[in-house]
Amino acid sequence: MMNRRTFLCGLTLGTLAVPLAAEAQQPPRIPRIGVLAPGVPASYVSRYEAFRRGLREFGYVEGQNIAIEYRYGEGKYERLPALAAELVRLNVDVIVASSSLETDEAKRATTSIPIVFALHADPLGMAHVASLARPGGNATGLAAAAGPEQMPKQLQLLKEAFPPISRVAVLWHAANPNGARGWQEVQEAAPSLGIALQS
């Protein structure tokens, strides 16, 4: 006849064994990449196919052993903060930002999830990294060769290549901090070169 202690011990071990067995049967967690982009999906098709191809070279196949969460601003920059926050809520393992604007929003949304920017005009000037050699923090990536401070030099080279030039149109985006800084710096340089600017 089974005594009370044997019965309770068996019941406890049996109760513990059920969740452990269920837990052992759960599939392993698949790493997730969050992708934050300002435009429409169609404008990133070739870029993201190259990204997925690069992942495959390292053994990561989307839908098999890695998941990618794409979030697009659809050309509305004001949507980026909410999209970045959504990726953080999804607890992605890393956020890939297309450029400086998305990096800025991702940095506002998280200080712990790693952020990799594809191309950043001025990561040091925007304080997204501590230095180019040692980024520190949670952001890193590819810095553009010419940040906003290089725009006056570009204007000077344009004048040297085409001396008669007297009017130049500058395309920039007011929502992008680098665009605003670049526009300000190129305005300061234009008068000494005899160039009138059109924004």
C-alpha atoms as a PDB file:
ATOM      1  CA  MET A   1       0.000   0.000   0.000  1.00  0.00           C
ATOM      2  CA  MET A   2       1.321   3.475  -0.973  1.00  0.00           C
ATOM      3  CA  ASN A   3       1.880   5.907   1.881  1.00  0.00           C
ATOM      4  CA  ARG A   4       0.985   9.569   1.732  1.00  0.00           C
ATOM      5  CA  ARG A   5       4.608  10.796   1.344  1.00  0.00           C
ATOM      6  CA  THR A   6       5.257   8.500  -1.645  1.00  0.00           C
ATOM      7  CA  PHE A   7       1.996   9.634  -3.268  1.00  0.00           C
ATOM      8  CA  LEU A   8       2.753  13.391  -2.871  1.00  0.00           C
ATOM      9  CA  CYS A   9       6.331  12.968  -4.074  1.00  0.00           C
ATOM     10  CA  GLY A  10       5.137  11.078  -7.157  1.00  0.00           C
ATOM     11  CA  LEU A  11       2.447  13.674  -7.841  1.00  0.00           C
ATOM     12  CA  THR A  12       4.949  16.564  -7.541  1.00  0.00           C
ATOM     13  CA  LEU A  13       7.487  14.910  -9.835  1.00  0.00           C
ATOM     14  CA  GLY A  14       4.766  14.090 -12.348  1.00  0.00           C
ATOM     15  CA  THR A  15       3.495  17.683 -12.295  1.00  0.00           C
ATOM     16  CA  LEU A  16       7.011  19.032 -12.873  1.00  0.00           C
ATOM     17  CA  ALA A  17       7.722  16.564 -15.646  1.00  0.00           C
ATOM     18  CA  VAL A  18       4.774  17.693 -17.802  1.00  0.00           C
ATOM     19  CA  PRO A  19       5.916  21.349 -18.261  1.00  0.00           C
ATOM     20  CA  LEU A  20       9.537  20.246 -18.678  1.00  0.00           C
ATOM     21  CA  ALA A  21       8.555  17.818 -21.417  1.00  0.00           C
ATOM     22  CA  ALA A  22       6.397  20.482 -23.111  1.00  0.00           C
ATOM     23  CA  GLU A  23       9.226  23.009 -22.844  1.00  0.00           C
ATOM     24  CA  ALA A  24      11.692  20.558 -24.356  1.00  0.00           C
ATOM     25  CA  GLN A  25       9.390  20.092 -27.350  1.00  0.00           C
ATOM     26  CA  GLN A  26       9.085  23.824 -28.140  1.00  0.00           C
ATOM     27  CA  PRO A  27      11.077  24.855 -31.204  1.00  0.00           C
ATOM     28  CA  PRO A  28      14.126  27.012 -30.555  1.00  0.00           C
ATOM     29  CA  ARG A  29      13.626  30.783 -30.778  1.00  0.00           C
ATOM     30  CA  ILE A  30      14.455  32.111 -34.237  1.00  0.00           C
ATOM     31  CA  PRO A  31      16.542  35.320 -34.249  1.00  0.00           C
ATOM     32  CA  ARG A  32      14.662  38.320 -35.641  1.00  0.00           C
ATOM     33  CA  ILE A  33      16.003  41.290 -37.571  1.00  0.00           C
ATOM     34  CA  GLY A  34      13.996  44.507 -37.629  1.00  0.00           C
ATOM     35  CA  VAL A  35      14.347  46.587 -40.794  1.00  0.00           C
ATOM     36  CA  LEU A  36      13.384  50.271 -40.675  1.00  0.00           C
ATOM     37  CA  ALA A  37      13.085  52.178 -43.950  1.00  0.00           C
ATOM     38  CA  PRO A  38      11.433  55.510 -44.843  1.00  0.00           C
ATOM     39  CA  GLY A  39      10.190  54.671 -48.348  1.00  0.00           C
ATOM     40  CA  VAL A  40       7.811  52.223 -49.995  1.00  0.00           C
ATOM     41  CA  PRO A  41       8.629  48.497 -50.231  1.00  0.00           C
ATOM     42  CA  ALA A  42       9.033  48.595 -54.022  1.00  0.00           C
ATOM     43  CA  SER A  43      11.993  50.969 -53.746  1.00  0.00           C
ATOM     44  CA  TYR A  44      13.984  48.474 -51.642  1.00  0.00           C
ATOM     45  CA  VAL A  45      13.441  45.230 -53.592  1.00  0.00           C
ATOM     46  CA  SER A  46      16.957  44.861 -55.016  1.00  0.00           C
ATOM     47  CA  ARG A  47      18.636  46.188 -51.876  1.00  0.00           C
ATOM     48  CA  TYR A  48      16.866  43.743 -49.555  1.00  0.00           C
ATOM     49  CA  GLU A  49      17.357  40.840 -51.937  1.00  0.00           C
ATOM     50  CA  ALA A  50      21.104  41.526 -51.738  1.00  0.00           C
ATOM     51  CA  PHE A  51      20.752  41.685 -47.937  1.00  0.00           C
ATOM     52  CA  ARG A  52      19.020  38.298 -47.834  1.00  0.00           C
ATOM     53  CA  ARG A  53      21.613  36.852 -50.219  1.00  0.00           C
ATOM     54  CA  GLY A  54      24.372  38.029 -47.871  1.00  0.00           C
ATOM     55  CA  LEU A  55      22.591  36.421 -44.916  1.00  0.00           C
ATOM     56  CA  ARG A  56      22.300  33.142 -46.857  1.00  0.00           C
ATOM     57  CA  GLU A  57      26.070  33.163 -47.416  1.00  0.00           C
ATOM     58  CA  PHE A  58      26.400  32.975 -43.621  1.00  0.00           C
ATOM     59  CA  GLY A  59      23.803  30.212 -43.353  1.00  0.00           C
ATOM     60  CA  TYR A  60      20.784  32.360 -42.427  1.00  0.00           C
ATOM     61  CA  VAL A  61      17.674  31.766 -44.520  1.00  0.00           C
ATOM     62  CA  GLU A  62      14.627  33.972 -44.003  1.00  0.00           C
ATOM     63  CA  GLY A  63      11.659  31.914 -42.861  1.00  0.00           C
ATOM     64  CA  GLN A  64      13.838  28.960 -41.858  1.00  0.00           C
ATOM     65  CA  ASN A  65      16.368  29.954 -39.228  1.00  0.00           C
ATOM     66  CA  ILE A  66      15.906  33.725 -39.162  1.00  0.00           C
ATOM     67  CA  ALA A  67      12.925  36.099 -39.363  1.00  0.00           C
ATOM     68  CA  ILE A  68      12.941  39.627 -40.779  1.00  0.00           C
ATOM     69  CA  GLU A  69      10.386  42.220 -39.676  1.00  0.00           C
ATOM     70  CA  TYR A  70      10.121  44.961 -42.321  1.00  0.00           C
ATOM     71  CA  ARG A  71       8.671  48.355 -41.404  1.00  0.00           C
ATOM     72  CA  TYR A  72       8.253  51.047 -44.067  1.00  0.00           C
ATOM     73  CA  GLY A  73       7.437  54.727 -43.591  1.00  0.00           C
ATOM     74  CA  GLU A  74       5.767  54.837 -47.030  1.00  0.00           C
ATOM     75  CA  GLY A  75       7.374  58.248 -47.606  1.00  0.00           C
ATOM     76  CA  LYS A  76       5.936  59.677 -44.376  1.00  0.00           C
ATOM     77  CA  TYR A  77       8.863  60.459 -42.096  1.00  0.00           C
ATOM     78  CA  GLU A  78       6.522  61.211 -39.209  1.00  0.00           C
ATOM     79  CA  ARG A  79       5.670  57.475 -39.105  1.00  0.00           C
ATOM     80  CA  LEU A  80       9.247  56.424 -38.300  1.00  0.00           C
ATOM     81  CA  PRO A  81       9.100  56.937 -34.493  1.00  0.00           C
ATOM     82  CA  ALA A  82       6.073  54.636 -34.175  1.00  0.00           C
ATOM     83  CA  LEU A  83       7.619  52.045 -36.491  1.00  0.00           C
ATOM     84  CA  ALA A  84      10.888  52.066 -34.524  1.00  0.00           C
ATOM     85  CA  ALA A  85       8.929  51.671 -31.269  1.00  0.00           C
ATOM     86  CA  GLU A  86       7.016  48.761 -32.804  1.00  0.00           C
ATOM     87  CA  LEU A  87      10.264  46.951 -33.638  1.00  0.00           C
ATOM     88  CA  VAL A  88      11.418  47.456 -30.056  1.00  0.00           C
ATOM     89  CA  ARG A  89       8.120  46.034 -28.741  1.00  0.00           C
ATOM     90  CA  LEU A  90       8.606  43.009 -31.003  1.00  0.00           C
ATOM     91  CA  ASN A  91      11.928  42.514 -29.188  1.00  0.00           C
ATOM     92  CA  VAL A  92      13.947  42.082 -32.380  1.00  0.00           C
ATOM     93  CA  ASP A  93      17.587  41.094 -31.931  1.00  0.00           C
ATOM     94  CA  VAL A  94      18.954  43.879 -34.148  1.00  0.00           C
ATOM     95  CA  ILE A  95      17.551  46.857 -36.065  1.00  0.00           C
ATOM     96  CA  VAL A  96      18.844  47.630 -39.552  1.00  0.00           C
ATOM     97  CA  ALA A  97      18.392  51.307 -40.431  1.00  0.00           C
ATOM     98  CA  SER A  98      18.707  52.502 -44.021  1.00  0.00           C
ATOM     99  CA  SER A  99      20.267  55.873 -43.215  1.00  0.00           C
ATOM    100  CA  SER A 100      20.814  58.559 -40.585  1.00  0.00           C
ATOM    101  CA  LEU A 101      17.136  59.479 -40.207  1.00  0.00           C
ATOM    102  CA  GLU A 102      16.036  55.934 -39.342  1.00  0.00           C
ATOM    103  CA  THR A 103      19.090  55.508 -37.116  1.00  0.00           C
ATOM    104  CA  ASP A 104      18.042  58.610 -35.196  1.00  0.00           C
ATOM    105  CA  GLU A 105      14.536  57.240 -34.606  1.00  0.00           C
ATOM    106  CA  ALA A 106      15.843  53.786 -33.668  1.00  0.00           C
ATOM    107  CA  LYS A 107      18.294  55.370 -31.182  1.00  0.00           C
ATOM    108  CA  ARG A 108      15.399  57.279 -29.584  1.00  0.00           C
ATOM    109  CA  ALA A 109      13.421  54.036 -29.294  1.00  0.00           C
ATOM    110  CA  THR A 110      16.152  51.859 -27.723  1.00  0.00           C
ATOM    111  CA  THR A 111      19.527  52.045 -26.040  1.00  0.00           C
ATOM    112  CA  SER A 112      19.957  48.285 -25.754  1.00  0.00           C
ATOM    113  CA  ILE A 113      18.991  46.671 -29.078  1.00  0.00           C
ATOM    114  CA  PRO A 114      21.930  46.856 -31.522  1.00  0.00           C
ATOM    115  CA  ILE A 115      21.371  49.172 -34.506  1.00  0.00           C
ATOM    116  CA  VAL A 116      23.250  48.763 -37.785  1.00  0.00           C
ATOM    117  CA  PHE A 117      22.960  51.635 -40.260  1.00  0.00           C
ATOM    118  CA  ALA A 118      23.454  50.862 -43.941  1.00  0.00           C
ATOM    119  CA  LEU A 119      24.767  54.330 -44.817  1.00  0.00           C
ATOM    120  CA  HIS A 120      24.936  57.293 -42.457  1.00  0.00           C
ATOM    121  CA  ALA A 121      25.962  60.762 -43.611  1.00  0.00           C
ATOM    122  CA  ASP A 122      27.328  61.901 -40.247  1.00  0.00           C
ATOM    123  CA  PRO A 123      27.101  59.398 -37.359  1.00  0.00           C
ATOM    124  CA  LEU A 124      29.650  61.338 -35.298  1.00  0.00           C
ATOM    125  CA  GLY A 125      28.025  64.756 -35.834  1.00  0.00           C
ATOM    126  CA  MET A 126      24.597  63.385 -34.882  1.00  0.00           C
ATOM    127  CA  ALA A 127      26.094  61.706 -31.785  1.00  0.00           C
ATOM    128  CA  HIS A 128      24.976  58.249 -32.898  1.00  0.00           C
ATOM    129  CA  VAL A 129      28.516  56.947 -32.301  1.00  0.00           C
ATOM    130  CA  ALA A 130      31.293  57.975 -29.925  1.00  0.00           C
ATOM    131  CA  SER A 131      33.911  57.743 -32.690  1.00  0.00           C
ATOM    132  CA  LEU A 132      34.214  56.182 -36.123  1.00  0.00           C
ATOM    133  CA  ALA A 133      36.965  53.817 -34.942  1.00  0.00           C
ATOM    134  CA  ARG A 134      35.157  52.804 -31.736  1.00  0.00           C
ATOM    135  CA  PRO A 135      31.422  53.499 -32.091  1.00  0.00           C
ATOM    136  CA  GLY A 136      30.476  52.407 -28.565  1.00  0.00           C
ATOM    137  CA  GLY A 137      26.808  52.432 -27.550  1.00  0.00           C
ATOM    138  CA  ASN A 138      24.352  50.364 -29.560  1.00  0.00           C
ATOM    139  CA  ALA A 139      24.848  51.766 -33.098  1.00  0.00           C
ATOM    140  CA  THR A 140      27.383  51.023 -35.792  1.00  0.00           C
ATOM    141  CA  GLY A 141      27.508  50.832 -39.570  1.00  0.00           C
ATOM    142  CA  LEU A 142      28.863  52.436 -42.713  1.00  0.00           C
ATOM    143  CA  ALA A 143      29.611  56.171 -42.587  1.00  0.00           C
ATOM    144  CA  ALA A 144      29.407  58.148 -45.830  1.00  0.00           C
ATOM    145  CA  ALA A 145      32.662  59.636 -47.054  1.00  0.00           C
ATOM    146  CA  ALA A 146      31.104  63.065 -47.389  1.00  0.00           C
ATOM    147  CA  GLY A 147      29.128  64.388 -44.449  1.00  0.00           C
ATOM    148  CA  PRO A 148      27.327  67.755 -44.393  1.00  0.00           C
ATOM    149  CA  GLU A 149      30.610  69.593 -43.769  1.00  0.00           C
ATOM    150  CA  GLN A 150      31.825  68.349 -47.165  1.00  0.00           C
ATOM    151  CA  MET A 151      29.082  70.105 -49.146  1.00  0.00           C
ATOM    152  CA  PRO A 152      30.978  73.425 -49.377  1.00  0.00           C
ATOM    153  CA  LYS A 153      33.966  71.499 -50.756  1.00  0.00           C
ATOM    154  CA  GLN A 154      31.710  69.837 -53.316  1.00  0.00           C
ATOM    155  CA  LEU A 155      30.408  73.269 -54.349  1.00  0.00           C
ATOM    156  CA  GLN A 156      33.988  74.532 -54.687  1.00  0.00           C
ATOM    157  CA  LEU A 157      34.926  71.553 -56.902  1.00  0.00           C
ATOM    158  CA  LEU A 158      31.850  72.174 -59.041  1.00  0.00           C
ATOM    159  CA  LYS A 159      32.923  75.811 -59.536  1.00  0.00           C
ATOM    160  CA  GLU A 160      36.463  74.725 -60.456  1.00  0.00           C
ATOM    161  CA  ALA A 161      35.140  72.211 -62.987  1.00  0.00           C
ATOM    162  CA  PHE A 162      32.668  74.702 -64.514  1.00  0.00           C
ATOM    163  CA  PRO A 163      33.962  78.259 -63.831  1.00  0.00           C
ATOM    164  CA  PRO A 164      31.081  80.080 -65.602  1.00  0.00           C
ATOM    165  CA  ILE A 165      28.515  78.504 -63.277  1.00  0.00           C
ATOM    166  CA  SER A 166      26.669  81.112 -61.208  1.00  0.00           C
ATOM    167  CA  ARG A 167      23.488  79.365 -60.000  1.00  0.00           C
ATOM    168  CA  VAL A 168      23.165  75.922 -58.388  1.00  0.00           C
ATOM    169  CA  ALA A 169      20.072  74.042 -57.226  1.00  0.00           C
ATOM    170  CA  VAL A 170      20.482  72.063 -53.995  1.00  0.00           C
ATOM    171  CA  LEU A 171      18.143  69.170 -53.278  1.00  0.00           C
ATOM    172  CA  TRP A 172      17.762  68.373 -49.594  1.00  0.00           C
ATOM    173  CA  HIS A 173      15.137  67.152 -47.144  1.00  0.00           C
ATOM    174  CA  ALA A 174      14.175  69.383 -44.213  1.00  0.00           C
ATOM    175  CA  ALA A 175      13.218  66.392 -42.017  1.00  0.00           C
ATOM    176  CA  ASN A 176      16.731  64.984 -42.280  1.00  0.00           C
ATOM    177  CA  PRO A 177      19.099  66.667 -39.781  1.00  0.00           C
ATOM    178  CA  ASN A 178      22.040  66.125 -42.127  1.00  0.00           C
ATOM    179  CA  GLY A 179      20.174  67.816 -44.949  1.00  0.00           C
ATOM    180  CA  ALA A 180      19.502  70.890 -42.822  1.00  0.00           C
ATOM    181  CA  ARG A 181      23.119  71.088 -41.650  1.00  0.00           C
ATOM    182  CA  GLY A 182      24.434  70.615 -45.189  1.00  0.00           C
ATOM    183  CA  TRP A 183      22.110  73.301 -46.561  1.00  0.00           C
ATOM    184  CA  GLN A 184      23.289  75.767 -43.891  1.00  0.00           C
ATOM    185  CA  GLU A 185      26.970  75.069 -44.576  1.00  0.00           C
ATOM    186  CA  VAL A 186      26.655  75.298 -48.348  1.00  0.00           C
ATOM    187  CA  GLN A 187      24.796  78.637 -47.986  1.00  0.00           C
ATOM    188  CA  GLU A 188      27.727  80.038 -46.027  1.00  0.00           C
ATOM    189  CA  ALA A 189      30.208  78.964 -48.722  1.00  0.00           C
ATOM    190  CA  ALA A 190      28.267  80.051 -51.826  1.00  0.00           C
ATOM    191  CA  PRO A 191      28.815  83.870 -51.726  1.00  0.00           C
ATOM    192  CA  SER A 192      32.635  83.593 -51.706  1.00  0.00           C
ATOM    193  CA  LEU A 193      32.378  81.402 -54.836  1.00  0.00           C
ATOM    194  CA  GLY A 194      30.037  83.818 -56.605  1.00  0.00           C
ATOM    195  CA  ILE A 195      27.245  81.251 -56.652  1.00  0.00           C
ATOM    196  CA  ALA A 196      23.563  81.855 -56.001  1.00  0.00           C
ATOM    197  CA  LEU A 197      21.755  78.873 -54.541  1.00  0.00           C
ATOM    198  CA  GLN A 198      18.272  77.613 -55.221  1.00  0.00           C
ATOM    199  CA  SER A 199      16.805  75.334 -52.544  1.00  0.00           C
END
